[in-house]
Amino acid sequence: MSTFPVLRTGAVIQFPATRATQFATDVVQFIDGSEQRFRGYAQSYHRWIINCDSLDETELNDIRTFVQGMNGAVGVFSFTDPWDSTVYPKCSIEGDMLVELLAEPMQGRTSIVIRENKT
């Protein structure tokens, strides 16, 4: 199984980054206006928003190659949570596009959203 690439510093991501725990709740609304709510998943799932602002060309290329190898959102890989070092074995990238910018040397930028899969 593939693993999300680490940066030249050995870190998984650059800060500031965002980590969230999400719940899937389905809501059914009836004609009389009442609602019934139930869980879409038995457990919550994790989601990380990674914004990298100071990548060199090699790091930017490593991330690009990884996303292409995963076929965007299709691939499954393991991701190590940088806050608590927990390894989540079934993660995927949200979306199929990687927006990247290389303004000048050592100033590569990209943003990736990673989501833990529960299936």
Foldseek 3Di string as FASTA:
>chain_A
DAEQDCAPVRHNADPPKDKDWDWAKDWDADPVGDIDIDGPDPGIKMKIKGKHFFHFPVVVVSNVVVCVVQQAFNRFAWYQDRVPRDIQGGKGWPDRDWDWDPPDGRGIITMTMMIRDDD
